[in-house]
Amino acid sequence: MSLKISGLPIQPPAVTQAPSLDDTATDASSGASFKDVLSSTISGLEQARGEANQGIDNFLTGEGSDLHSVVLASQRAELEFDLFLQVRNKVVNAYQEVMRMQM
């Protein structure tokens, strides 16, 4: 069944199959552990912060860094940290919600 609005056909959404439990267990075992993902994310945050601080130091000492590059690096590091905090808060809230569930 398709409808037409302004001459354009509208198709119903395709039906997809939900993954089976066997598929998700295989994906989880082959992927990285939570600890590895967390440590790589934190090291990435530290690297971005270090690059921003190095750019600030280079700019202040006059070693050729442009002001816009320094500001962009600082903003990128700040945004990455803010995103990390948002994700952390969502994970903590989800954990607390699971702990409140009754069995």
PDB file of N, CA and C in Angstrom:
ATOM      1  N   MET A   1       0.839  -1.171   0.000  1.00  0.00           N
ATOM      2  CA  MET A   1       0.000   0.000   0.000  1.00  0.00           C
ATOM      3  C   MET A   1       0.884   1.233   0.000  1.00  0.00           C
ATOM      4  N   SER A   2       0.622   2.157  -0.908  1.00  0.00           N
ATOM      5  CA  SER A   2       1.397   3.392  -0.915  1.00  0.00           C
ATOM      6  C   SER A   2       0.453   4.572  -1.070  1.00  0.00           C
ATOM      7  N   LEU A   3       0.782   5.647  -0.435  1.00  0.00           N
ATOM      8  CA  LEU A   3       0.016   6.886  -0.492  1.00  0.00           C
ATOM      9  C   LEU A   3       0.787   7.886  -1.327  1.00  0.00           C
ATOM     10  N   LYS A   4       0.088   8.856  -1.870  1.00  0.00           N
ATOM     11  CA  LYS A   4       0.761   9.907  -2.614  1.00  0.00           C
ATOM     12  C   LYS A   4       0.407  11.255  -2.010  1.00  0.00           C
ATOM     13  N   ILE A   5       1.439  12.003  -1.702  1.00  0.00           N
ATOM     14  CA  ILE A   5       1.274  13.376  -1.233  1.00  0.00           C
ATOM     15  C   ILE A   5       2.121  14.236  -2.144  1.00  0.00           C
ATOM     16  N   SER A   6       1.501  15.198  -2.782  1.00  0.00           N
ATOM     17  CA  SER A   6       2.179  16.089  -3.722  1.00  0.00           C
ATOM     18  C   SER A   6       2.877  15.309  -4.824  1.00  0.00           C
ATOM     19  N   GLY A   7       2.309  14.193  -5.253  1.00  0.00           N
ATOM     20  CA  GLY A   7       2.881  13.430  -6.343  1.00  0.00           C
ATOM     21  C   GLY A   7       3.993  12.482  -5.947  1.00  0.00           C
ATOM     22  N   LEU A   8       4.432  12.484  -4.696  1.00  0.00           N
ATOM     23  CA  LEU A   8       5.513  11.613  -4.248  1.00  0.00           C
ATOM     24  C   LEU A   8       4.926  10.395  -3.539  1.00  0.00           C
ATOM     25  N   PRO A   9       5.330   9.189  -3.929  1.00  0.00           N
ATOM     26  CA  PRO A   9       4.802   8.005  -3.248  1.00  0.00           C
ATOM     27  C   PRO A   9       5.404   7.859  -1.861  1.00  0.00           C
ATOM     28  N   ILE A  10       4.589   7.428  -0.919  1.00  0.00           N
ATOM     29  CA  ILE A  10       5.047   7.180   0.445  1.00  0.00           C
ATOM     30  C   ILE A  10       4.943   5.685   0.682  1.00  0.00           C
ATOM     31  N   GLN A  11       6.060   5.074   0.979  1.00  0.00           N
ATOM     32  CA  GLN A  11       6.121   3.636   1.203  1.00  0.00           C
ATOM     33  C   GLN A  11       6.111   3.352   2.699  1.00  0.00           C
ATOM     34  N   PRO A  12       5.496   2.254   3.116  1.00  0.00           N
ATOM     35  CA  PRO A  12       5.558   1.888   4.533  1.00  0.00           C
ATOM     36  C   PRO A  12       6.983   1.485   4.893  1.00  0.00           C
ATOM     37  N   PRO A  13       7.360   1.645   6.155  1.00  0.00           N
ATOM     38  CA  PRO A  13       8.721   1.296   6.555  1.00  0.00           C
ATOM     39  C   PRO A  13       8.956  -0.206   6.414  1.00  0.00           C
ATOM     40  N   ALA A  14      10.193  -0.551   6.112  1.00  0.00           N
ATOM     41  CA  ALA A  14      10.554  -1.961   5.971  1.00  0.00           C
ATOM     42  C   ALA A  14      10.599  -2.614   7.345  1.00  0.00           C
ATOM     43  N   VAL A  15      10.167  -3.858   7.394  1.00  0.00           N
ATOM     44  CA  VAL A  15      10.176  -4.611   8.643  1.00  0.00           C
ATOM     45  C   VAL A  15      11.541  -5.266   8.787  1.00  0.00           C
ATOM     46  N   THR A  16      12.164  -5.058   9.926  1.00  0.00           N
ATOM     47  CA  THR A  16      13.481  -5.657  10.167  1.00  0.00           C
ATOM     48  C   THR A  16      13.379  -6.675  11.284  1.00  0.00           C
ATOM     49  N   GLN A  17      14.265  -7.614  11.262  1.00  0.00           N
ATOM     50  CA  GLN A  17      14.322  -8.643  12.289  1.00  0.00           C
ATOM     51  C   GLN A  17      15.192  -8.164  13.446  1.00  0.00           C
ATOM     52  N   ALA A  18      14.757  -8.403  14.654  1.00  0.00           N
ATOM     53  CA  ALA A  18      15.577  -8.103  15.821  1.00  0.00           C
ATOM     54  C   ALA A  18      16.684  -9.144  15.910  1.00  0.00           C
ATOM     55  N   PRO A  19      17.888  -8.744  16.350  1.00  0.00           N
ATOM     56  CA  PRO A  19      18.967  -9.724  16.447  1.00  0.00           C
ATOM     57  C   PRO A  19      18.648 -10.772  17.504  1.00  0.00           C
ATOM     58  N   SER A  20      19.072 -11.981  17.244  1.00  0.00           N
ATOM     59  CA  SER A  20      18.836 -13.053  18.212  1.00  0.00           C
ATOM     60  C   SER A  20      19.825 -12.928  19.361  1.00  0.00           C
ATOM     61  N   LEU A  21      19.552 -13.588  20.451  1.00  0.00           N
ATOM     62  CA  LEU A  21      20.437 -13.532  21.605  1.00  0.00           C
ATOM     63  C   LEU A  21      21.805 -14.106  21.285  1.00  0.00           C
ATOM     64  N   ASP A  22      21.874 -15.101  20.405  1.00  0.00           N
ATOM     65  CA  ASP A  22      23.160 -15.678  20.039  1.00  0.00           C
ATOM     66  C   ASP A  22      24.038 -14.666  19.316  1.00  0.00           C
ATOM     67  N   ASP A  23      23.444 -13.828  18.452  1.00  0.00           N
ATOM     68  CA  ASP A  23      24.203 -12.818  17.725  1.00  0.00           C
ATOM     69  C   ASP A  23      24.784 -11.773  18.665  1.00  0.00           C
ATOM     70  N   THR A  24      24.005 -11.322  19.643  1.00  0.00           N
ATOM     71  CA  THR A  24      24.491 -10.286  20.548  1.00  0.00           C
ATOM     72  C   THR A  24      25.563 -10.830  21.481  1.00  0.00           C
ATOM     73  N   ALA A  25      25.453 -12.073  21.881  1.00  0.00           N
ATOM     74  CA  ALA A  25      26.483 -12.659  22.740  1.00  0.00           C
ATOM     75  C   ALA A  25      27.791 -12.776  21.990  1.00  0.00           C
ATOM     76  N   THR A  26      27.750 -13.122  20.717  1.00  0.00           N
ATOM     77  CA  THR A  26      28.961 -13.233  19.915  1.00  0.00           C
ATOM     78  C   THR A  26      29.598 -11.868  19.729  1.00  0.00           C
ATOM     79  N   ASP A  27      28.783 -10.848  19.451  1.00  0.00           N
ATOM     80  CA  ASP A  27      29.314  -9.510  19.275  1.00  0.00           C
ATOM     81  C   ASP A  27      29.952  -8.989  20.555  1.00  0.00           C
ATOM     82  N   ALA A  28      29.346  -9.244  21.688  1.00  0.00           N
ATOM     83  CA  ALA A  28      29.882  -8.745  22.952  1.00  0.00           C
ATOM     84  C   ALA A  28      31.195  -9.427  23.296  1.00  0.00           C
ATOM     85  N   SER A  29      31.312 -10.724  23.006  1.00  0.00           N
ATOM     86  CA  SER A  29      32.544 -11.422  23.360  1.00  0.00           C
ATOM     87  C   SER A  29      33.683 -11.067  22.421  1.00  0.00           C
ATOM     88  N   SER A  30      33.396 -10.697  21.176  1.00  0.00           N
ATOM     89  CA  SER A  30      34.457 -10.360  20.240  1.00  0.00           C
ATOM     90  C   SER A  30      34.876  -8.900  20.348  1.00  0.00           C
ATOM     91  N   GLY A  31      34.070  -8.060  20.979  1.00  0.00           N
ATOM     92  CA  GLY A  31      34.382  -6.645  21.103  1.00  0.00           C
ATOM     93  C   GLY A  31      35.306  -6.378  22.272  1.00  0.00           C
ATOM     94  N   ALA A  32      35.670  -5.109  22.406  1.00  0.00           N
ATOM     95  CA  ALA A  32      36.533  -4.693  23.493  1.00  0.00           C
ATOM     96  C   ALA A  32      35.750  -4.670  24.804  1.00  0.00           C
ATOM     97  N   SER A  33      36.443  -4.874  25.889  1.00  0.00           N
ATOM     98  CA  SER A  33      35.777  -4.842  27.188  1.00  0.00           C
ATOM     99  C   SER A  33      35.473  -3.392  27.570  1.00  0.00           C
ATOM    100  N   PHE A  34      34.585  -3.241  28.519  1.00  0.00           N
ATOM    101  CA  PHE A  34      34.212  -1.903  28.976  1.00  0.00           C
ATOM    102  C   PHE A  34      35.429  -1.177  29.528  1.00  0.00           C
ATOM    103  N   LYS A  35      36.271  -1.900  30.223  1.00  0.00           N
ATOM    104  CA  LYS A  35      37.479  -1.305  30.797  1.00  0.00           C
ATOM    105  C   LYS A  35      38.393  -0.763  29.696  1.00  0.00           C
ATOM    106  N   ASP A  36      38.543  -1.517  28.604  1.00  0.00           N
ATOM    107  CA  ASP A  36      39.390  -1.066  27.506  1.00  0.00           C
ATOM    108  C   ASP A  36      38.818   0.167  26.824  1.00  0.00           C
ATOM    109  N   VAL A  37      37.511   0.164  26.614  1.00  0.00           N
ATOM    110  CA  VAL A  37      36.868   1.319  25.981  1.00  0.00           C
ATOM    111  C   VAL A  37      37.006   2.543  26.864  1.00  0.00           C
ATOM    112  N   LEU A  38      36.787   2.367  28.153  1.00  0.00           N
ATOM    113  CA  LEU A  38      36.879   3.488  29.085  1.00  0.00           C
ATOM    114  C   LEU A  38      38.305   4.034  29.157  1.00  0.00           C
ATOM    115  N   SER A  39      39.289   3.152  29.243  1.00  0.00           N
ATOM    116  CA  SER A  39      40.671   3.622  29.343  1.00  0.00           C
ATOM    117  C   SER A  39      41.128   4.296  28.056  1.00  0.00           C
ATOM    118  N   SER A  40      40.712   3.793  26.892  1.00  0.00           N
ATOM    119  CA  SER A  40      41.101   4.447  25.640  1.00  0.00           C
ATOM    120  C   SER A  40      40.420   5.810  25.502  1.00  0.00           C
ATOM    121  N   THR A  41      39.184   5.925  25.971  1.00  0.00           N
ATOM    122  CA  THR A  41      38.484   7.205  25.925  1.00  0.00           C
ATOM    123  C   THR A  41      39.157   8.224  26.826  1.00  0.00           C
ATOM    124  N   ILE A  42      39.518   7.791  28.021  1.00  0.00           N
ATOM    125  CA  ILE A  42      40.182   8.706  28.961  1.00  0.00           C
ATOM    126  C   ILE A  42      41.550   9.118  28.434  1.00  0.00           C
ATOM    127  N   SER A  43      42.280   8.193  27.834  1.00  0.00           N
ATOM    128  CA  SER A  43      43.587   8.559  27.287  1.00  0.00           C
ATOM    129  C   SER A  43      43.427   9.528  26.115  1.00  0.00           C
ATOM    130  N   GLY A  44      42.358   9.369  25.318  1.00  0.00           N
ATOM    131  CA  GLY A  44      42.077  10.319  24.243  1.00  0.00           C
ATOM    132  C   GLY A  44      41.756  11.705  24.775  1.00  0.00           C
ATOM    133  N   LEU A  45      40.996  11.742  25.878  1.00  0.00           N
ATOM    134  CA  LEU A  45      40.689  13.029  26.515  1.00  0.00           C
ATOM    135  C   LEU A  45      41.956  13.702  27.029  1.00  0.00           C
ATOM    136  N   GLU A  46      42.811  12.917  27.652  1.00  0.00           N
ATOM    137  CA  GLU A  46      44.065  13.467  28.176  1.00  0.00           C
ATOM    138  C   GLU A  46      44.962  13.960  27.046  1.00  0.00           C
ATOM    139  N   GLN A  47      44.980  13.234  25.938  1.00  0.00           N
ATOM    140  CA  GLN A  47      45.790  13.646  24.802  1.00  0.00           C
ATOM    141  C   GLN A  47      45.268  14.956  24.220  1.00  0.00           C
ATOM    142  N   ALA A  48      43.960  15.089  24.076  1.00  0.00           N
ATOM    143  CA  ALA A  48      43.372  16.332  23.550  1.00  0.00           C
ATOM    144  C   ALA A  48      43.658  17.502  24.474  1.00  0.00           C
ATOM    145  N   ARG A  49      43.549  17.258  25.786  1.00  0.00           N
ATOM    146  CA  ARG A  49      43.843  18.324  26.749  1.00  0.00           C
ATOM    147  C   ARG A  49      45.314  18.715  26.697  1.00  0.00           C
ATOM    148  N   GLY A  50      46.189  17.716  26.560  1.00  0.00           N
ATOM    149  CA  GLY A  50      47.621  17.995  26.462  1.00  0.00           C
ATOM    150  C   GLY A  50      47.969  18.782  25.215  1.00  0.00           C
ATOM    151  N   GLU A  51      47.347  18.431  24.083  1.00  0.00           N
ATOM    152  CA  GLU A  51      47.584  19.166  22.845  1.00  0.00           C
ATOM    153  C   GLU A  51      47.099  20.607  22.969  1.00  0.00           C
ATOM    154  N   ALA A  52      45.962  20.805  23.614  1.00  0.00           N
ATOM    155  CA  ALA A  52      45.443  22.158  23.806  1.00  0.00           C
ATOM    156  C   ALA A  52      46.381  22.963  24.698  1.00  0.00           C
ATOM    157  N   ASN A  53      46.847  22.348  25.783  1.00  0.00           N
ATOM    158  CA  ASN A  53      47.778  23.052  26.678  1.00  0.00           C
ATOM    159  C   ASN A  53      49.092  23.353  25.973  1.00  0.00           C
ATOM    160  N   GLN A  54      49.583  22.426  25.152  1.00  0.00           N
ATOM    161  CA  GLN A  54      50.821  22.666  24.404  1.00  0.00           C
ATOM    162  C   GLN A  54      50.634  23.802  23.415  1.00  0.00           C
ATOM    163  N   GLY A  55      49.481  23.855  22.750  1.00  0.00           N
ATOM    164  CA  GLY A  55      49.192  24.947  21.830  1.00  0.00           C
ATOM    165  C   GLY A  55      49.125  26.286  22.536  1.00  0.00           C
ATOM    166  N   ILE A  56      48.542  26.301  23.734  1.00  0.00           N
ATOM    167  CA  ILE A  56      48.493  27.540  24.521  1.00  0.00           C
ATOM    168  C   ILE A  56      49.895  27.985  24.905  1.00  0.00           C
ATOM    169  N   ASP A  57      50.704  27.035  25.362  1.00  0.00           N
ATOM    170  CA  ASP A  57      52.084  27.368  25.741  1.00  0.00           C
ATOM    171  C   ASP A  57      52.874  27.895  24.543  1.00  0.00           C
ATOM    172  N   ASN A  58      52.705  27.241  23.385  1.00  0.00           N
ATOM    173  CA  ASN A  58      53.412  27.695  22.184  1.00  0.00           C
ATOM    174  C   ASN A  58      52.958  29.088  21.773  1.00  0.00           C
ATOM    175  N   PHE A  59      51.678  29.360  21.892  1.00  0.00           N
ATOM    176  CA  PHE A  59      51.172  30.687  21.533  1.00  0.00           C
ATOM    177  C   PHE A  59      51.714  31.749  22.479  1.00  0.00           C
ATOM    178  N   LEU A  60      51.720  31.452  23.778  1.00  0.00           N
ATOM    179  CA  LEU A  60      52.185  32.441  24.761  1.00  0.00           C
ATOM    180  C   LEU A  60      53.675  32.711  24.658  1.00  0.00           C
ATOM    181  N   THR A  61      54.435  31.723  24.248  1.00  0.00           N
ATOM    182  CA  THR A  61      55.881  31.924  24.103  1.00  0.00           C
ATOM    183  C   THR A  61      56.248  32.420  22.709  1.00  0.00           C
ATOM    184  N   GLY A  62      55.278  32.537  21.813  1.00  0.00           N
ATOM    185  CA  GLY A  62      55.528  33.071  20.479  1.00  0.00           C
ATOM    186  C   GLY A  62      56.187  32.076  19.541  1.00  0.00           C
ATOM    187  N   GLU A  63      55.938  30.820  19.706  1.00  0.00           N
ATOM    188  CA  GLU A  63      56.577  29.795  18.875  1.00  0.00           C
ATOM    189  C   GLU A  63      55.750  29.440  17.649  1.00  0.00           C
ATOM    190  N   GLY A  64      54.969  30.354  17.142  1.00  0.00           N
ATOM    191  CA  GLY A  64      54.331  30.177  15.853  1.00  0.00           C
ATOM    192  C   GLY A  64      52.924  29.626  15.829  1.00  0.00           C
ATOM    193  N   SER A  65      52.274  29.376  16.932  1.00  0.00           N
ATOM    194  CA  SER A  65      50.897  28.897  16.896  1.00  0.00           C
ATOM    195  C   SER A  65      49.947  30.052  16.618  1.00  0.00           C
ATOM    196  N   ASP A  66      49.008  29.827  15.710  1.00  0.00           N
ATOM    197  CA  ASP A  66      47.992  30.839  15.429  1.00  0.00           C
ATOM    198  C   ASP A  66      46.957  30.837  16.545  1.00  0.00           C
ATOM    199  N   LEU A  67      46.387  31.997  16.795  1.00  0.00           N
ATOM    200  CA  LEU A  67      45.382  32.125  17.840  1.00  0.00           C
ATOM    201  C   LEU A  67      44.166  31.251  17.553  1.00  0.00           C
ATOM    202  N   HIS A  68      43.716  31.225  16.294  1.00  0.00           N
ATOM    203  CA  HIS A  68      42.526  30.437  15.979  1.00  0.00           C
ATOM    204  C   HIS A  68      42.782  28.945  16.156  1.00  0.00           C
ATOM    205  N   SER A  69      43.985  28.474  15.887  1.00  0.00           N
ATOM    206  CA  SER A  69      44.315  27.055  16.104  1.00  0.00           C
ATOM    207  C   SER A  69      44.294  26.707  17.584  1.00  0.00           C
ATOM    208  N   VAL A  70      44.790  27.623  18.394  1.00  0.00           N
ATOM    209  CA  VAL A  70      44.818  27.410  19.839  1.00  0.00           C
ATOM    210  C   VAL A  70      43.397  27.376  20.396  1.00  0.00           C
ATOM    211  N   VAL A  71      42.570  28.302  19.965  1.00  0.00           N
ATOM    212  CA  VAL A  71      41.192  28.364  20.445  1.00  0.00           C
ATOM    213  C   VAL A  71      40.415  27.125  19.990  1.00  0.00           C
ATOM    214  N   LEU A  72      40.614  26.705  18.744  1.00  0.00           N
ATOM    215  CA  LEU A  72      39.929  25.509  18.252  1.00  0.00           C
ATOM    216  C   LEU A  72      40.356  24.263  19.014  1.00  0.00           C
ATOM    217  N   ALA A  73      41.641  24.131  19.297  1.00  0.00           N
ATOM    218  CA  ALA A  73      42.122  22.972  20.054  1.00  0.00           C
ATOM    219  C   ALA A  73      41.556  22.987  21.470  1.00  0.00           C
ATOM    220  N   SER A  74      41.489  24.159  22.081  1.00  0.00           N
ATOM    221  CA  SER A  74      40.933  24.269  23.435  1.00  0.00           C
ATOM    222  C   SER A  74      39.448  23.932  23.445  1.00  0.00           C
ATOM    223  N   GLN A  75      38.712  24.441  22.476  1.00  0.00           N
ATOM    224  CA  GLN A  75      37.287  24.155  22.394  1.00  0.00           C
ATOM    225  C   GLN A  75      37.025  22.685  22.107  1.00  0.00           C
ATOM    226  N   ARG A  76      37.850  22.078  21.239  1.00  0.00           N
ATOM    227  CA  ARG A  76      37.693  20.662  20.933  1.00  0.00           C
ATOM    228  C   ARG A  76      37.903  19.824  22.194  1.00  0.00           C
ATOM    229  N   ALA A  77      38.945  20.149  22.966  1.00  0.00           N
ATOM    230  CA  ALA A  77      39.201  19.407  24.198  1.00  0.00           C
ATOM    231  C   ALA A  77      38.059  19.597  25.190  1.00  0.00           C
ATOM    232  N   GLU A  78      37.544  20.805  25.282  1.00  0.00           N
ATOM    233  CA  GLU A  78      36.431  21.070  26.201  1.00  0.00           C
ATOM    234  C   GLU A  78      35.170  20.328  25.779  1.00  0.00           C
ATOM    235  N   LEU A  79      34.878  20.307  24.485  1.00  0.00           N
ATOM    236  CA  LEU A  79      33.694  19.601  23.989  1.00  0.00           C
ATOM    237  C   LEU A  79      33.819  18.094  24.179  1.00  0.00           C
ATOM    238  N   GLU A  80      35.015  17.554  23.952  1.00  0.00           N
ATOM    239  CA  GLU A  80      35.221  16.126  24.174  1.00  0.00           C
ATOM    240  C   GLU A  80      34.993  15.772  25.638  1.00  0.00           C
ATOM    241  N   PHE A  81      35.472  16.610  26.537  1.00  0.00           N
ATOM    242  CA  PHE A  81      35.283  16.363  27.959  1.00  0.00           C
ATOM    243  C   PHE A  81      33.813  16.468  28.343  1.00  0.00           C
ATOM    244  N   ASP A  82      33.120  17.467  27.804  1.00  0.00           N
ATOM    245  CA  ASP A  82      31.682  17.620  28.084  1.00  0.00           C
ATOM    246  C   ASP A  82      30.896  16.413  27.584  1.00  0.00           C
ATOM    247  N   LEU A  83      31.234  15.926  26.392  1.00  0.00           N
ATOM    248  CA  LEU A  83      30.574  14.741  25.859  1.00  0.00           C
ATOM    249  C   LEU A  83      30.834  13.534  26.754  1.00  0.00           C
ATOM    250  N   PHE A  84      32.069  13.383  27.201  1.00  0.00           N
ATOM    251  CA  PHE A  84      32.410  12.281  28.097  1.00  0.00           C
ATOM    252  C   PHE A  84      31.590  12.356  29.385  1.00  0.00           C
ATOM    253  N   LEU A  85      31.450  13.545  29.942  1.00  0.00           N
ATOM    254  CA  LEU A  85      30.658  13.705  31.169  1.00  0.00           C
ATOM    255  C   LEU A  85      29.189  13.372  30.932  1.00  0.00           C
ATOM    256  N   GLN A  86      28.650  13.773  29.786  1.00  0.00           N
ATOM    257  CA  GLN A  86      27.252  13.462  29.469  1.00  0.00           C
ATOM    258  C   GLN A  86      27.047  11.956  29.366  1.00  0.00           C
ATOM    259  N   VAL A  87      27.949  11.278  28.682  1.00  0.00           N
ATOM    260  CA  VAL A  87      27.840   9.824  28.539  1.00  0.00           C
ATOM    261  C   VAL A  87      27.997   9.151  29.893  1.00  0.00           C
ATOM    262  N   ARG A  88      28.950   9.629  30.690  1.00  0.00           N
ATOM    263  CA  ARG A  88      29.135   9.058  32.031  1.00  0.00           C
ATOM    264  C   ARG A  88      27.874   9.208  32.860  1.00  0.00           C
ATOM    265  N   ASN A  89      27.252  10.380  32.813  1.00  0.00           N
ATOM    266  CA  ASN A  89      26.031  10.606  33.577  1.00  0.00           C
ATOM    267  C   ASN A  89      24.913   9.683  33.114  1.00  0.00           C
ATOM    268  N   LYS A  90      24.798   9.465  31.806  1.00  0.00           N
ATOM    269  CA  LYS A  90      23.770   8.554  31.290  1.00  0.00           C
ATOM    270  C   LYS A  90      24.031   7.126  31.746  1.00  0.00           C
ATOM    271  N   VAL A  91      25.288   6.703  31.745  1.00  0.00           N
ATOM    272  CA  VAL A  91      25.625   5.343  32.186  1.00  0.00           C
ATOM    273  C   VAL A  91      25.316   5.178  33.672  1.00  0.00           C
ATOM    274  N   VAL A  92      25.655   6.168  34.479  1.00  0.00           N
ATOM    275  CA  VAL A  92      25.382   6.092  35.916  1.00  0.00           C
ATOM    276  C   VAL A  92      23.876   6.064  36.160  1.00  0.00           C
ATOM    277  N   ASN A  93      23.126   6.891  35.436  1.00  0.00           N
ATOM    278  CA  ASN A  93      21.667   6.885  35.598  1.00  0.00           C
ATOM    279  C   ASN A  93      21.068   5.546  35.189  1.00  0.00           C
ATOM    280  N   ALA A  94      21.564   4.960  34.109  1.00  0.00           N
ATOM    281  CA  ALA A  94      21.063   3.655  33.675  1.00  0.00           C
ATOM    282  C   ALA A  94      21.391   2.587  34.712  1.00  0.00           C
ATOM    283  N   TYR A  95      22.584   2.626  35.270  1.00  0.00           N
ATOM    284  CA  TYR A  95      22.969   1.663  36.305  1.00  0.00           C
ATOM    285  C   TYR A  95      22.066   1.809  37.530  1.00  0.00           C
ATOM    286  N   GLN A  96      21.816   3.051  37.952  1.00  0.00           N
ATOM    287  CA  GLN A  96      20.953   3.277  39.103  1.00  0.00           C
ATOM    288  C   GLN A  96      19.540   2.795  38.836  1.00  0.00           C
ATOM    289  N   GLU A  97      19.063   2.983  37.619  1.00  0.00           N
ATOM    290  CA  GLU A  97      17.716   2.524  37.264  1.00  0.00           C
ATOM    291  C   GLU A  97      17.652   1.001  37.283  1.00  0.00           C
ATOM    292  N   VAL A  98      18.668   0.332  36.809  1.00  0.00           N
ATOM    293  CA  VAL A  98      18.694  -1.133  36.852  1.00  0.00           C
ATOM    294  C   VAL A  98      18.731  -1.623  38.286  1.00  0.00           C
ATOM    295  N   MET A  99      19.472  -0.936  39.148  1.00  0.00           N
ATOM    296  CA  MET A  99      19.573  -1.349  40.545  1.00  0.00           C
ATOM    297  C   MET A  99      18.248  -1.135  41.275  1.00  0.00           C
ATOM    298  N   ARG A 100      17.408  -0.205  40.807  1.00  0.00           N
ATOM    299  CA  ARG A 100      16.109   0.035  41.433  1.00  0.00           C
ATOM    300  C   ARG A 100      15.048  -0.965  41.001  1.00  0.00           C
ATOM    301  N   MET A 101      15.316  -1.699  39.943  1.00  0.00           N
ATOM    302  CA  MET A 101      14.329  -2.668  39.446  1.00  0.00           C
ATOM    303  C   MET A 101      14.129  -3.792  40.454  1.00  0.00           C
ATOM    304  N   GLN A 102      12.892  -4.226  40.560  1.00  0.00           N
ATOM    305  CA  GLN A 102      12.591  -5.338  41.434  1.00  0.00           C
ATOM    306  C   GLN A 102      12.653  -6.612  40.615  1.00  0.00           C
ATOM    307  N   MET A 103      13.153  -7.636  41.221  1.00  0.00           N
ATOM    308  CA  MET A 103      13.255  -8.935  40.543  1.00  0.00           C
ATOM    309  C   MET A 103      11.995  -9.706  40.651  1.00  0.00           C
TER     310      MET A 103
END
